[in-house]
């Protein structure tokens, strides 16, 4: 009759092999995932900048076309008073939800 090997001994040997082989594999997988995330974030940022540039160029061209045809800018044509700005009213309080709490 062949000698019987207890299952826990097989588990101990298998665990040490998995640790030695799996640790570098998992480390490489994490590094690759993080680098892909960083590259994706960089690509999204560049695409956003490109869209902002296109929007600024289109706005400038539209304003130039309006001014060359003698039309008033869109804010004045819509009934806004001359010199009106797009800022918040002076009496409106700003939100303090993100302000740090004061030490007591």
C-alpha atoms as a PDB file:
ATOM      1  CA  UNK A   1       0.000   0.000   0.000  1.00  0.00           C
ATOM      2  CA  UNK A   2       1.473   3.439  -1.008  1.00  0.00           C
ATOM      3  CA  UNK A   3       2.071   6.008   1.698  1.00  0.00           C
ATOM      4  CA  UNK A   4      -0.776   8.476   2.177  1.00  0.00           C
ATOM      5  CA  UNK A   5       0.129  12.185   1.937  1.00  0.00           C
ATOM      6  CA  UNK A   6      -2.067  14.371   4.111  1.00  0.00           C
ATOM      7  CA  UNK A   7      -3.978  17.002   2.094  1.00  0.00           C
ATOM      8  CA  UNK A   8      -2.702  19.855   4.282  1.00  0.00           C
ATOM      9  CA  UNK A   9       0.900  19.081   3.230  1.00  0.00           C
ATOM     10  CA  UNK A  10      -0.147  19.346  -0.420  1.00  0.00           C
ATOM     11  CA  UNK A  11      -1.823  22.662   0.433  1.00  0.00           C
ATOM     12  CA  UNK A  12       1.314  24.012   2.114  1.00  0.00           C
ATOM     13  CA  UNK A  13       3.484  23.149  -0.882  1.00  0.00           C
ATOM     14  CA  UNK A  14       0.931  24.553  -3.343  1.00  0.00           C
ATOM     15  CA  UNK A  15       0.554  27.780  -1.318  1.00  0.00           C
ATOM     16  CA  UNK A  16       4.292  28.460  -1.347  1.00  0.00           C
ATOM     17  CA  UNK A  17       4.445  27.851  -5.120  1.00  0.00           C
ATOM     18  CA  UNK A  18       1.462  30.125  -5.754  1.00  0.00           C
ATOM     19  CA  UNK A  19       3.045  32.827  -3.592  1.00  0.00           C
ATOM     20  CA  UNK A  20       6.352  32.672  -5.464  1.00  0.00           C
ATOM     21  CA  UNK A  21       4.765  32.603  -8.920  1.00  0.00           C
ATOM     22  CA  UNK A  22       1.653  34.687  -8.274  1.00  0.00           C
ATOM     23  CA  UNK A  23       3.188  37.684  -6.528  1.00  0.00           C
ATOM     24  CA  UNK A  24       5.195  38.929  -9.554  1.00  0.00           C
ATOM     25  CA  UNK A  25       2.234  38.217 -11.815  1.00  0.00           C
ATOM     26  CA  UNK A  26      -0.163  40.250  -9.662  1.00  0.00           C
ATOM     27  CA  UNK A  27       2.401  43.052  -9.258  1.00  0.00           C
ATOM     28  CA  UNK A  28       2.799  43.301 -13.042  1.00  0.00           C
ATOM     29  CA  UNK A  29      -0.954  43.270 -13.527  1.00  0.00           C
ATOM     30  CA  UNK A  30      -1.415  46.141 -11.041  1.00  0.00           C
ATOM     31  CA  UNK A  31       1.387  48.200 -12.623  1.00  0.00           C
ATOM     32  CA  UNK A  32      -0.096  47.717 -16.085  1.00  0.00           C
ATOM     33  CA  UNK A  33      -3.584  48.654 -14.917  1.00  0.00           C
ATOM     34  CA  UNK A  34      -2.348  51.830 -13.209  1.00  0.00           C
ATOM     35  CA  UNK A  35      -0.315  52.894 -16.244  1.00  0.00           C
ATOM     36  CA  UNK A  36      -3.326  52.329 -18.531  1.00  0.00           C
ATOM     37  CA  UNK A  37      -5.444  54.468 -16.206  1.00  0.00           C
ATOM     38  CA  UNK A  38      -2.885  57.284 -16.246  1.00  0.00           C
ATOM     39  CA  UNK A  39      -2.652  57.184 -20.046  1.00  0.00           C
ATOM     40  CA  UNK A  40      -6.446  57.228 -20.373  1.00  0.00           C
ATOM     41  CA  UNK A  41      -6.679  60.228 -18.052  1.00  0.00           C
ATOM     42  CA  UNK A  42      -4.010  62.047 -20.086  1.00  0.00           C
ATOM     43  CA  UNK A  43      -5.847  61.287 -23.355  1.00  0.00           C
ATOM     44  CA  UNK A  44      -9.150  62.564 -21.957  1.00  0.00           C
ATOM     45  CA  UNK A  45      -7.479  65.761 -20.752  1.00  0.00           C
ATOM     46  CA  UNK A  46      -5.909  66.386 -24.167  1.00  0.00           C
ATOM     47  CA  UNK A  47      -9.216  65.730 -25.921  1.00  0.00           C
ATOM     48  CA  UNK A  48     -10.973  68.171 -23.579  1.00  0.00           C
ATOM     49  CA  UNK A  49      -8.372  70.849 -24.306  1.00  0.00           C
ATOM     50  CA  UNK A  50      -8.872  70.303 -28.032  1.00  0.00           C
ATOM     51  CA  UNK A  51     -12.624  70.701 -27.690  1.00  0.00           C
ATOM     52  CA  UNK A  52     -12.182  73.897 -25.662  1.00  0.00           C
ATOM     53  CA  UNK A  53      -9.846  75.270 -28.328  1.00  0.00           C
ATOM     54  CA  UNK A  54     -12.354  74.477 -31.082  1.00  0.00           C
ATOM     55  CA  UNK A  55     -15.164  76.115 -29.110  1.00  0.00           C
ATOM     56  CA  UNK A  56     -13.074  79.250 -28.536  1.00  0.00           C
ATOM     57  CA  UNK A  57     -12.208  79.474 -32.241  1.00  0.00           C
ATOM     58  CA  UNK A  58     -15.847  79.006 -33.264  1.00  0.00           C
ATOM     59  CA  UNK A  59     -16.962  81.696 -30.799  1.00  0.00           C
ATOM     60  CA  UNK A  60     -14.325  84.116 -32.040  1.00  0.00           C
ATOM     61  CA  UNK A  61     -15.306  83.487 -35.667  1.00  0.00           C
ATOM     62  CA  UNK A  62     -19.008  83.938 -34.876  1.00  0.00           C
ATOM     63  CA  UNK A  63     -18.351  87.221 -33.046  1.00  0.00           C
ATOM     64  CA  UNK A  64     -16.128  88.441 -35.887  1.00  0.00           C
ATOM     65  CA  UNK A  65     -18.861  87.601 -38.406  1.00  0.00           C
ATOM     66  CA  UNK A  66     -21.466  89.467 -36.337  1.00  0.00           C
ATOM     67  CA  UNK A  67     -19.248  92.522 -35.983  1.00  0.00           C
ATOM     68  CA  UNK A  68     -18.417  92.586 -39.692  1.00  0.00           C
ATOM     69  CA  UNK A  69     -22.119  92.554 -40.591  1.00  0.00           C
ATOM     70  CA  UNK A  70     -22.815  95.401 -38.176  1.00  0.00           C
ATOM     71  CA  UNK A  71     -24.958  93.326 -35.800  1.00  0.00           C
ATOM     72  CA  UNK A  72     -24.849  93.802 -32.062  1.00  0.00           C
ATOM     73  CA  UNK A  73     -23.384  91.038 -29.884  1.00  0.00           C
ATOM     74  CA  UNK A  74     -25.853  88.368 -28.778  1.00  0.00           C
ATOM     75  CA  UNK A  75     -26.171  89.669 -25.179  1.00  0.00           C
ATOM     76  CA  UNK A  76     -27.177  93.159 -26.301  1.00  0.00           C
ATOM     77  CA  UNK A  77     -29.545  91.788 -28.952  1.00  0.00           C
ATOM     78  CA  UNK A  78     -31.274  89.616 -26.357  1.00  0.00           C
ATOM     79  CA  UNK A  79     -32.264  92.635 -24.290  1.00  0.00           C
ATOM     80  CA  UNK A  80     -29.446  92.662 -21.754  1.00  0.00           C
ATOM     81  CA  UNK A  81     -28.275  96.153 -20.801  1.00  0.00           C
ATOM     82  CA  UNK A  82     -24.950  97.388 -22.156  1.00  0.00           C
ATOM     83  CA  UNK A  83     -22.042  96.412 -19.918  1.00  0.00           C
ATOM     84  CA  UNK A  84     -23.962  93.574 -18.252  1.00  0.00           C
ATOM     85  CA  UNK A  85     -21.709  90.785 -17.108  1.00  0.00           C
ATOM     86  CA  UNK A  86     -22.324  87.101 -16.526  1.00  0.00           C
ATOM     87  CA  UNK A  87     -21.134  87.096 -12.886  1.00  0.00           C
ATOM     88  CA  UNK A  88     -23.133  86.263  -9.773  1.00  0.00           C
ATOM     89  CA  UNK A  89     -25.208  89.005  -8.184  1.00  0.00           C
ATOM     90  CA  UNK A  90     -23.408  90.821  -5.362  1.00  0.00           C
ATOM     91  CA  UNK A  91     -26.025  89.975  -2.737  1.00  0.00           C
ATOM     92  CA  UNK A  92     -25.971  86.223  -3.311  1.00  0.00           C
ATOM     93  CA  UNK A  93     -23.958  84.303  -0.715  1.00  0.00           C
ATOM     94  CA  UNK A  94     -21.509  81.644  -1.813  1.00  0.00           C
ATOM     95  CA  UNK A  95     -21.815  78.085  -0.641  1.00  0.00           C
ATOM     96  CA  UNK A  96     -19.614  77.154   2.329  1.00  0.00           C
ATOM     97  CA  UNK A  97     -20.108  73.400   2.118  1.00  0.00           C
ATOM     98  CA  UNK A  98     -16.543  72.733   0.985  1.00  0.00           C
ATOM     99  CA  UNK A  99     -14.905  75.210   3.371  1.00  0.00           C
ATOM    100  CA  UNK A 100     -12.766  73.632   6.126  1.00  0.00           C
ATOM    101  CA  UNK A 101     -14.217  73.679   9.640  1.00  0.00           C
ATOM    102  CA  UNK A 102     -12.760  76.210  12.061  1.00  0.00           C
ATOM    103  CA  UNK A 103     -10.866  74.979  15.095  1.00  0.00           C
ATOM    104  CA  UNK A 104     -12.651  75.737  18.350  1.00  0.00           C
END
